[in-house]
Amino acid sequence: MPKIEIFAEDVKVSSRTMPGKDGKPPRTIYEQDAYIYCEGKFPTLMKVSLEDGQPPYAAGLYTFHGSSYIVNNFGNVELKKFGKVITPMEVEI
């Protein structure tokens, strides 16, 4: 289970506007910085998508919610390209 960490200084929403294509209006993307522990000694910076008006996630440890995974055309499990959700990690006893 991947471990994602949000630090206190990253409890904020940042936004960027993508220009519209083919006559479509521009859209604003809301996101928050987080760090994922993959391979290696240090975590890697990643972006967590947020909905318009959604408050930022609090500082703490998270993992991807089960709804963030799909089975692709080859029968393999992968993360969704859009709509990933994170959920707090349970504390191990």
PDB file of N, CA and C in Angstrom:
ATOM      1  N   MET A   1       0.845  -1.165   0.000  1.00  0.00           N
ATOM      2  CA  MET A   1       0.000   0.000   0.000  1.00  0.00           C
ATOM      3  C   MET A   1       0.897   1.237   0.000  1.00  0.00           C
ATOM      4  N   PRO A   2       0.760   2.101  -1.007  1.00  0.00           N
ATOM      5  CA  PRO A   2       1.629   3.280  -1.074  1.00  0.00           C
ATOM      6  C   PRO A   2       1.353   4.246   0.077  1.00  0.00           C
ATOM      7  N   LYS A   3       2.407   4.799   0.616  1.00  0.00           N
ATOM      8  CA  LYS A   3       2.281   5.769   1.706  1.00  0.00           C
ATOM      9  C   LYS A   3       2.474   7.168   1.133  1.00  0.00           C
ATOM     10  N   ILE A   4       1.514   8.047   1.416  1.00  0.00           N
ATOM     11  CA  ILE A   4       1.539   9.431   0.963  1.00  0.00           C
ATOM     12  C   ILE A   4       1.561  10.313   2.199  1.00  0.00           C
ATOM     13  N   GLU A   5       2.428  11.308   2.197  1.00  0.00           N
ATOM     14  CA  GLU A   5       2.508  12.200   3.358  1.00  0.00           C
ATOM     15  C   GLU A   5       2.248  13.634   2.927  1.00  0.00           C
ATOM     16  N   ILE A   6       1.418  14.302   3.723  1.00  0.00           N
ATOM     17  CA  ILE A   6       1.182  15.733   3.543  1.00  0.00           C
ATOM     18  C   ILE A   6       1.769  16.424   4.757  1.00  0.00           C
ATOM     19  N   PHE A   7       2.664  17.355   4.510  1.00  0.00           N
ATOM     20  CA  PHE A   7       3.306  18.114   5.579  1.00  0.00           C
ATOM     21  C   PHE A   7       2.496  19.368   5.892  1.00  0.00           C
ATOM     22  N   ALA A   8       2.656  19.899   7.100  1.00  0.00           N
ATOM     23  CA  ALA A   8       1.886  21.066   7.544  1.00  0.00           C
ATOM     24  C   ALA A   8       1.997  22.238   6.570  1.00  0.00           C
ATOM     25  N   GLU A   9       3.181  22.458   6.014  1.00  0.00           N
ATOM     26  CA  GLU A   9       3.361  23.589   5.097  1.00  0.00           C
ATOM     27  C   GLU A   9       2.666  23.383   3.751  1.00  0.00           C
ATOM     28  N   ASP A  10       2.167  22.174   3.497  1.00  0.00           N
ATOM     29  CA  ASP A  10       1.488  21.878   2.231  1.00  0.00           C
ATOM     30  C   ASP A  10      -0.032  21.803   2.381  1.00  0.00           C
ATOM     31  N   VAL A  11      -0.537  22.236   3.528  1.00  0.00           N
ATOM     32  CA  VAL A  11      -1.988  22.251   3.741  1.00  0.00           C
ATOM     33  C   VAL A  11      -2.534  23.534   3.137  1.00  0.00           C
ATOM     34  N   LYS A  12      -2.541  23.563   1.805  1.00  0.00           N
ATOM     35  CA  LYS A  12      -3.048  24.714   1.053  1.00  0.00           C
ATOM     36  C   LYS A  12      -3.403  24.249  -0.352  1.00  0.00           C
ATOM     37  N   VAL A  13      -4.326  24.960  -0.955  1.00  0.00           N
ATOM     38  CA  VAL A  13      -4.784  24.651  -2.310  1.00  0.00           C
ATOM     39  C   VAL A  13      -4.070  25.579  -3.278  1.00  0.00           C
ATOM     40  N   SER A  14      -3.551  25.008  -4.358  1.00  0.00           N
ATOM     41  CA  SER A  14      -3.014  25.840  -5.439  1.00  0.00           C
ATOM     42  C   SER A  14      -3.881  25.573  -6.671  1.00  0.00           C
ATOM     43  N   SER A  15      -3.930  26.554  -7.551  1.00  0.00           N
ATOM     44  CA  SER A  15      -4.762  26.391  -8.739  1.00  0.00           C
ATOM     45  C   SER A  15      -3.994  26.839  -9.972  1.00  0.00           C
ATOM     46  N   ARG A  16      -4.399  26.297 -11.096  1.00  0.00           N
ATOM     47  CA  ARG A  16      -3.853  26.712 -12.388  1.00  0.00           C
ATOM     48  C   ARG A  16      -4.966  26.588 -13.408  1.00  0.00           C
ATOM     49  N   THR A  17      -4.929  27.462 -14.392  1.00  0.00           N
ATOM     50  CA  THR A  17      -5.968  27.476 -15.411  1.00  0.00           C
ATOM     51  C   THR A  17      -5.406  26.942 -16.718  1.00  0.00           C
ATOM     52  N   MET A  18      -6.121  25.978 -17.265  1.00  0.00           N
ATOM     53  CA  MET A  18      -5.745  25.376 -18.542  1.00  0.00           C
ATOM     54  C   MET A  18      -6.569  26.062 -19.631  1.00  0.00           C
ATOM     55  N   PRO A  19      -5.920  26.516 -20.698  1.00  0.00           N
ATOM     56  CA  PRO A  19      -6.683  27.168 -21.768  1.00  0.00           C
ATOM     57  C   PRO A  19      -7.633  26.179 -22.438  1.00  0.00           C
ATOM     58  N   GLY A  20      -8.766  26.704 -22.894  1.00  0.00           N
ATOM     59  CA  GLY A  20      -9.741  25.865 -23.583  1.00  0.00           C
ATOM     60  C   GLY A  20      -9.262  25.499 -24.980  1.00  0.00           C
ATOM     61  N   LYS A  21      -9.691  24.353 -25.467  1.00  0.00           N
ATOM     62  CA  LYS A  21      -9.341  23.902 -26.819  1.00  0.00           C
ATOM     63  C   LYS A  21     -10.619  23.674 -27.611  1.00  0.00           C
ATOM     64  N   ASP A  22     -10.536  23.869 -28.901  1.00  0.00           N
ATOM     65  CA  ASP A  22     -11.653  23.608 -29.803  1.00  0.00           C
ATOM     66  C   ASP A  22     -12.937  24.305 -29.359  1.00  0.00           C
ATOM     67  N   GLY A  23     -12.804  25.575 -28.937  1.00  0.00           N
ATOM     68  CA  GLY A  23     -13.963  26.362 -28.550  1.00  0.00           C
ATOM     69  C   GLY A  23     -14.487  26.091 -27.153  1.00  0.00           C
ATOM     70  N   LYS A  24     -13.831  25.208 -26.425  1.00  0.00           N
ATOM     71  CA  LYS A  24     -14.262  24.927 -25.052  1.00  0.00           C
ATOM     72  C   LYS A  24     -13.690  26.000 -24.122  1.00  0.00           C
ATOM     73  N   PRO A  25     -14.392  26.293 -23.030  1.00  0.00           N
ATOM     74  CA  PRO A  25     -13.894  27.317 -22.105  1.00  0.00           C
ATOM     75  C   PRO A  25     -12.675  26.808 -21.327  1.00  0.00           C
ATOM     76  N   PRO A  26     -11.863  27.734 -20.801  1.00  0.00           N
ATOM     77  CA  PRO A  26     -10.736  27.302 -19.976  1.00  0.00           C
ATOM     78  C   PRO A  26     -11.253  26.620 -18.702  1.00  0.00           C
ATOM     79  N   ARG A  27     -10.413  25.783 -18.116  1.00  0.00           N
ATOM     80  CA  ARG A  27     -10.822  25.154 -16.857  1.00  0.00           C
ATOM     81  C   ARG A  27      -9.735  25.325 -15.821  1.00  0.00           C
ATOM     82  N   THR A  28     -10.151  25.431 -14.591  1.00  0.00           N
ATOM     83  CA  THR A  28      -9.227  25.614 -13.478  1.00  0.00           C
ATOM     84  C   THR A  28      -9.043  24.285 -12.766  1.00  0.00           C
ATOM     85  N   ILE A  29      -7.792  23.947 -12.500  1.00  0.00           N
ATOM     86  CA  ILE A  29      -7.444  22.714 -11.796  1.00  0.00           C
ATOM     87  C   ILE A  29      -6.961  23.095 -10.403  1.00  0.00           C
ATOM     88  N   TYR A  30      -7.502  22.424  -9.403  1.00  0.00           N
ATOM     89  CA  TYR A  30      -7.131  22.663  -8.011  1.00  0.00           C
ATOM     90  C   TYR A  30      -6.341  21.458  -7.523  1.00  0.00           C
ATOM     91  N   GLU A  31      -5.242  21.721  -6.834  1.00  0.00           N
ATOM     92  CA  GLU A  31      -4.395  20.624  -6.376  1.00  0.00           C
ATOM     93  C   GLU A  31      -3.624  21.012  -5.126  1.00  0.00           C
ATOM     94  N   GLN A  32      -3.019  20.008  -4.534  1.00  0.00           N
ATOM     95  CA  GLN A  32      -2.261  20.164  -3.298  1.00  0.00           C
ATOM     96  C   GLN A  32      -0.999  19.321  -3.411  1.00  0.00           C
ATOM     97  N   ASP A  33       0.104  19.837  -2.880  1.00  0.00           N
ATOM     98  CA  ASP A  33       1.355  19.078  -2.868  1.00  0.00           C
ATOM     99  C   ASP A  33       1.296  17.991  -1.805  1.00  0.00           C
ATOM    100  N   ALA A  34       1.851  16.842  -2.134  1.00  0.00           N
ATOM    101  CA  ALA A  34       1.987  15.721  -1.209  1.00  0.00           C
ATOM    102  C   ALA A  34       3.249  14.971  -1.619  1.00  0.00           C
ATOM    103  N   TYR A  35       3.678  14.057  -0.799  1.00  0.00           N
ATOM    104  CA  TYR A  35       4.885  13.286  -1.074  1.00  0.00           C
ATOM    105  C   TYR A  35       4.571  11.806  -0.966  1.00  0.00           C
ATOM    106  N   ILE A  36       4.985  11.048  -1.984  1.00  0.00           N
ATOM    107  CA  ILE A  36       4.728   9.611  -2.001  1.00  0.00           C
ATOM    108  C   ILE A  36       6.040   8.860  -1.808  1.00  0.00           C
ATOM    109  N   TYR A  37       5.980   7.841  -0.981  1.00  0.00           N
ATOM    110  CA  TYR A  37       7.155   7.006  -0.716  1.00  0.00           C
ATOM    111  C   TYR A  37       7.125   5.843  -1.695  1.00  0.00           C
ATOM    112  N   CYS A  38       8.002   5.897  -2.665  1.00  0.00           N
ATOM    113  CA  CYS A  38       8.114   4.822  -3.655  1.00  0.00           C
ATOM    114  C   CYS A  38       9.393   4.053  -3.351  1.00  0.00           C
ATOM    115  N   GLU A  39      10.322   4.100  -4.250  1.00  0.00           N
ATOM    116  CA  GLU A  39      11.618   3.481  -4.019  1.00  0.00           C
ATOM    117  C   GLU A  39      12.607   4.552  -3.614  1.00  0.00           C
ATOM    118  N   GLY A  40      13.650   4.162  -2.974  1.00  0.00           N
ATOM    119  CA  GLY A  40      14.682   5.112  -2.620  1.00  0.00           C
ATOM    120  C   GLY A  40      14.542   5.632  -1.203  1.00  0.00           C
ATOM    121  N   LYS A  41      15.468   6.473  -0.860  1.00  0.00           N
ATOM    122  CA  LYS A  41      15.602   6.969   0.500  1.00  0.00           C
ATOM    123  C   LYS A  41      14.610   8.081   0.836  1.00  0.00           C
ATOM    124  N   PHE A  42      14.227   8.878  -0.174  1.00  0.00           N
ATOM    125  CA  PHE A  42      13.398  10.048   0.066  1.00  0.00           C
ATOM    126  C   PHE A  42      12.087   9.962  -0.701  1.00  0.00           C
ATOM    127  N   PRO A  43      11.035  10.610  -0.190  1.00  0.00           N
ATOM    128  CA  PRO A  43       9.761  10.619  -0.915  1.00  0.00           C
ATOM    129  C   PRO A  43       9.833  11.524  -2.144  1.00  0.00           C
ATOM    130  N   THR A  44       8.891  11.318  -3.058  1.00  0.00           N
ATOM    131  CA  THR A  44       8.818  12.080  -4.304  1.00  0.00           C
ATOM    132  C   THR A  44       7.595  12.992  -4.266  1.00  0.00           C
ATOM    133  N   LEU A  45       7.780  14.234  -4.703  1.00  0.00           N
ATOM    134  CA  LEU A  45       6.683  15.184  -4.765  1.00  0.00           C
ATOM    135  C   LEU A  45       5.638  14.713  -5.770  1.00  0.00           C
ATOM    136  N   MET A  46       4.368  14.828  -5.398  1.00  0.00           N
ATOM    137  CA  MET A  46       3.251  14.520  -6.284  1.00  0.00           C
ATOM    138  C   MET A  46       2.165  15.556  -6.057  1.00  0.00           C
ATOM    139  N   LYS A  47       1.204  15.605  -6.937  1.00  0.00           N
ATOM    140  CA  LYS A  47       0.064  16.513  -6.816  1.00  0.00           C
ATOM    141  C   LYS A  47      -1.187  15.694  -6.528  1.00  0.00           C
ATOM    142  N   VAL A  48      -1.994  16.159  -5.581  1.00  0.00           N
ATOM    143  CA  VAL A  48      -3.279  15.546  -5.278  1.00  0.00           C
ATOM    144  C   VAL A  48      -4.354  16.473  -5.827  1.00  0.00           C
ATOM    145  N   SER A  49      -5.219  15.963  -6.689  1.00  0.00           N
ATOM    146  CA  SER A  49      -6.289  16.761  -7.264  1.00  0.00           C
ATOM    147  C   SER A  49      -7.379  17.018  -6.239  1.00  0.00           C
ATOM    148  N   LEU A  50      -7.929  18.221  -6.281  1.00  0.00           N
ATOM    149  CA  LEU A  50      -9.028  18.603  -5.397  1.00  0.00           C
ATOM    150  C   LEU A  50     -10.177  19.125  -6.248  1.00  0.00           C
ATOM    151  N   GLU A  51     -11.381  18.980  -5.748  1.00  0.00           N
ATOM    152  CA  GLU A  51     -12.552  19.533  -6.412  1.00  0.00           C
ATOM    153  C   GLU A  51     -12.638  21.026  -6.106  1.00  0.00           C
ATOM    154  N   ASP A  52     -13.335  21.768  -6.942  1.00  0.00           N
ATOM    155  CA  ASP A  52     -13.552  23.195  -6.713  1.00  0.00           C
ATOM    156  C   ASP A  52     -14.247  23.380  -5.362  1.00  0.00           C
ATOM    157  N   GLY A  53     -13.646  24.148  -4.480  1.00  0.00           N
ATOM    158  CA  GLY A  53     -14.211  24.404  -3.157  1.00  0.00           C
ATOM    159  C   GLY A  53     -13.842  23.381  -2.098  1.00  0.00           C
ATOM    160  N   GLN A  54     -13.191  22.292  -2.482  1.00  0.00           N
ATOM    161  CA  GLN A  54     -12.789  21.272  -1.508  1.00  0.00           C
ATOM    162  C   GLN A  54     -11.653  21.805  -0.661  1.00  0.00           C
ATOM    163  N   PRO A  55     -11.744  21.697   0.659  1.00  0.00           N
ATOM    164  CA  PRO A  55     -10.629  22.142   1.497  1.00  0.00           C
ATOM    165  C   PRO A  55      -9.431  21.216   1.303  1.00  0.00           C
ATOM    166  N   PRO A  56      -8.223  21.718   1.568  1.00  0.00           N
ATOM    167  CA  PRO A  56      -7.040  20.853   1.422  1.00  0.00           C
ATOM    168  C   PRO A  56      -7.053  19.746   2.471  1.00  0.00           C
ATOM    169  N   TYR A  57      -6.361  18.667   2.147  1.00  0.00           N
ATOM    170  CA  TYR A  57      -6.200  17.590   3.113  1.00  0.00           C
ATOM    171  C   TYR A  57      -5.328  18.087   4.255  1.00  0.00           C
ATOM    172  N   ALA A  58      -5.595  17.608   5.459  1.00  0.00           N
ATOM    173  CA  ALA A  58      -4.812  17.962   6.640  1.00  0.00           C
ATOM    174  C   ALA A  58      -3.458  17.257   6.593  1.00  0.00           C
ATOM    175  N   ALA A  59      -2.508  17.767   7.348  1.00  0.00           N
ATOM    176  CA  ALA A  59      -1.201  17.115   7.448  1.00  0.00           C
ATOM    177  C   ALA A  59      -1.391  15.710   8.011  1.00  0.00           C
ATOM    178  N   GLY A  60      -0.633  14.758   7.482  1.00  0.00           N
ATOM    179  CA  GLY A  60      -0.729  13.392   7.965  1.00  0.00           C
ATOM    180  C   GLY A  60      -0.339  12.386   6.906  1.00  0.00           C
ATOM    181  N   LEU A  61      -0.583  11.115   7.220  1.00  0.00           N
ATOM    182  CA  LEU A  61      -0.253  10.010   6.320  1.00  0.00           C
ATOM    183  C   LEU A  61      -1.521   9.487   5.669  1.00  0.00           C
ATOM    184  N   TYR A  62      -1.419   9.239   4.364  1.00  0.00           N
ATOM    185  CA  TYR A  62      -2.553   8.797   3.570  1.00  0.00           C
ATOM    186  C   TYR A  62      -2.127   7.657   2.652  1.00  0.00           C
ATOM    187  N   THR A  63      -3.127   7.040   2.027  1.00  0.00           N
ATOM    188  CA  THR A  63      -2.906   6.083   0.962  1.00  0.00           C
ATOM    189  C   THR A  63      -4.034   6.271  -0.054  1.00  0.00           C
ATOM    190  N   PHE A  64      -3.923   5.662  -1.214  1.00  0.00           N
ATOM    191  CA  PHE A  64      -4.975   5.791  -2.209  1.00  0.00           C
ATOM    192  C   PHE A  64      -6.195   4.983  -1.786  1.00  0.00           C
ATOM    193  N   HIS A  65      -7.353   5.581  -1.937  1.00  0.00           N
ATOM    194  CA  HIS A  65      -8.619   4.906  -1.667  1.00  0.00           C
ATOM    195  C   HIS A  65      -8.823   3.841  -2.740  1.00  0.00           C
ATOM    196  N   GLY A  66      -9.526   2.782  -2.425  1.00  0.00           N
ATOM    197  CA  GLY A  66      -9.776   1.699  -3.372  1.00  0.00           C
ATOM    198  C   GLY A  66     -10.442   2.162  -4.665  1.00  0.00           C
ATOM    199  N   SER A  67     -11.220   3.245  -4.607  1.00  0.00           N
ATOM    200  CA  SER A  67     -11.891   3.749  -5.806  1.00  0.00           C
ATOM    201  C   SER A  67     -10.919   4.403  -6.790  1.00  0.00           C
ATOM    202  N   SER A  68      -9.660   4.563  -6.393  1.00  0.00           N
ATOM    203  CA  SER A  68      -8.648   5.190  -7.248  1.00  0.00           C
ATOM    204  C   SER A  68      -8.010   4.206  -8.225  1.00  0.00           C
ATOM    205  N   TYR A  69      -8.350   2.931  -8.099  1.00  0.00           N
ATOM    206  CA  TYR A  69      -7.760   1.897  -8.953  1.00  0.00           C
ATOM    207  C   TYR A  69      -8.759   1.407  -9.980  1.00  0.00           C
ATOM    208  N   ILE A  70      -8.254   0.998 -11.149  1.00  0.00           N
ATOM    209  CA  ILE A  70      -9.081   0.373 -12.177  1.00  0.00           C
ATOM    210  C   ILE A  70      -8.338  -0.854 -12.713  1.00  0.00           C
ATOM    211  N   VAL A  71      -9.067  -1.701 -13.393  1.00  0.00           N
ATOM    212  CA  VAL A  71      -8.460  -2.819 -14.118  1.00  0.00           C
ATOM    213  C   VAL A  71      -8.435  -2.383 -15.584  1.00  0.00           C
ATOM    214  N   ASN A  72      -7.230  -2.371 -16.183  1.00  0.00           N
ATOM    215  CA  ASN A  72      -7.101  -1.882 -17.559  1.00  0.00           C
ATOM    216  C   ASN A  72      -7.497  -2.967 -18.569  1.00  0.00           C
ATOM    217  N   ASN A  73      -7.356  -2.635 -19.851  1.00  0.00           N
ATOM    218  CA  ASN A  73      -7.752  -3.555 -20.929  1.00  0.00           C
ATOM    219  C   ASN A  73      -6.948  -4.849 -20.955  1.00  0.00           C
ATOM    220  N   PHE A  74      -5.809  -4.878 -20.284  1.00  0.00           N
ATOM    221  CA  PHE A  74      -4.960  -6.071 -20.260  1.00  0.00           C
ATOM    222  C   PHE A  74      -5.136  -6.879 -18.980  1.00  0.00           C
ATOM    223  N   GLY A  75      -6.106  -6.469 -18.138  1.00  0.00           N
ATOM    224  CA  GLY A  75      -6.364  -7.193 -16.899  1.00  0.00           C
ATOM    225  C   GLY A  75      -5.454  -6.809 -15.756  1.00  0.00           C
ATOM    226  N   ASN A  76      -4.659  -5.752 -15.935  1.00  0.00           N
ATOM    227  CA  ASN A  76      -3.754  -5.307 -14.882  1.00  0.00           C
ATOM    228  C   ASN A  76      -4.382  -4.170 -14.081  1.00  0.00           C
ATOM    229  N   VAL A  77      -4.027  -4.072 -12.821  1.00  0.00           N
ATOM    230  CA  VAL A  77      -4.527  -3.010 -11.955  1.00  0.00           C
ATOM    231  C   VAL A  77      -3.626  -1.793 -12.113  1.00  0.00           C
ATOM    232  N   GLU A  78      -4.238  -0.608 -12.223  1.00  0.00           N
ATOM    233  CA  GLU A  78      -3.470   0.636 -12.301  1.00  0.00           C
ATOM    234  C   GLU A  78      -4.269   1.756 -11.657  1.00  0.00           C
ATOM    235  N   LEU A  79      -3.576   2.846 -11.353  1.00  0.00           N
ATOM    236  CA  LEU A  79      -4.246   4.021 -10.807  1.00  0.00           C
ATOM    237  C   LEU A  79      -5.000   4.733 -11.916  1.00  0.00           C
ATOM    238  N   LYS A  80      -6.154   5.283 -11.577  1.00  0.00           N
ATOM    239  CA  LYS A  80      -6.907   6.083 -12.542  1.00  0.00           C
ATOM    240  C   LYS A  80      -6.079   7.300 -12.932  1.00  0.00           C
ATOM    241  N   LYS A  81      -6.276   7.774 -14.144  1.00  0.00           N
ATOM    242  CA  LYS A  81      -5.589   8.979 -14.583  1.00  0.00           C
ATOM    243  C   LYS A  81      -6.184  10.199 -13.880  1.00  0.00           C
ATOM    244  N   PHE A  82      -7.487  10.228 -13.738  1.00  0.00           N
ATOM    245  CA  PHE A  82      -8.186  11.326 -13.072  1.00  0.00           C
ATOM    246  C   PHE A  82      -9.083  10.758 -11.981  1.00  0.00           C
ATOM    247  N   GLY A  83      -9.364  11.564 -10.985  1.00  0.00           N
ATOM    248  CA  GLY A  83     -10.305  11.146  -9.946  1.00  0.00           C
ATOM    249  C   GLY A  83      -9.716  10.306  -8.841  1.00  0.00           C
ATOM    250  N   LYS A  84      -8.412  10.393  -8.647  1.00  0.00           N
ATOM    251  CA  LYS A  84      -7.795   9.660  -7.543  1.00  0.00           C
ATOM    252  C   LYS A  84      -8.186  10.325  -6.220  1.00  0.00           C
ATOM    253  N   VAL A  85      -8.438   9.498  -5.222  1.00  0.00           N
ATOM    254  CA  VAL A  85      -8.824   9.976  -3.900  1.00  0.00           C
ATOM    255  C   VAL A  85      -7.847   9.378  -2.892  1.00  0.00           C
ATOM    256  N   ILE A  86      -7.450  10.162  -1.898  1.00  0.00           N
ATOM    257  CA  ILE A  86      -6.608   9.614  -0.845  1.00  0.00           C
ATOM    258  C   ILE A  86      -7.430   9.523   0.454  1.00  0.00           C
ATOM    259  N   THR A  87      -7.014   8.614   1.304  1.00  0.00           N
ATOM    260  CA  THR A  87      -7.701   8.382   2.562  1.00  0.00           C
ATOM    261  C   THR A  87      -6.649   8.225   3.661  1.00  0.00           C
ATOM    262  N   PRO A  88      -6.959   8.662   4.892  1.00  0.00           N
ATOM    263  CA  PRO A  88      -5.978   8.535   5.967  1.00  0.00           C
ATOM    264  C   PRO A  88      -5.550   7.081   6.174  1.00  0.00           C
ATOM    265  N   MET A  89      -4.279   6.896   6.477  1.00  0.00           N
ATOM    266  CA  MET A  89      -3.769   5.558   6.773  1.00  0.00           C
ATOM    267  C   MET A  89      -4.148   5.221   8.207  1.00  0.00           C
ATOM    268  N   GLU A  90      -4.449   3.955   8.417  1.00  0.00           N
ATOM    269  CA  GLU A  90      -4.739   3.498   9.770  1.00  0.00           C
ATOM    270  C   GLU A  90      -3.422   3.341  10.523  1.00  0.00           C
ATOM    271  N   VAL A  91      -3.436   3.724  11.771  1.00  0.00           N
ATOM    272  CA  VAL A  91      -2.254   3.622  12.603  1.00  0.00           C
ATOM    273  C   VAL A  91      -2.025   2.162  12.962  1.00  0.00           C
ATOM    274  N   GLU A  92      -0.800   1.683  12.746  1.00  0.00           N
ATOM    275  CA  GLU A  92      -0.487   0.292  13.109  1.00  0.00           C
ATOM    276  C   GLU A  92      -0.222   0.198  14.596  1.00  0.00           C
ATOM    277  N   ILE A  93      -0.755  -0.856  15.196  1.00  0.00           N
ATOM    278  CA  ILE A  93      -0.572  -1.060  16.639  1.00  0.00           C
ATOM    279  C   ILE A  93       0.486  -2.096  16.879  1.00  0.00           C
TER     280      ILE A  93
END
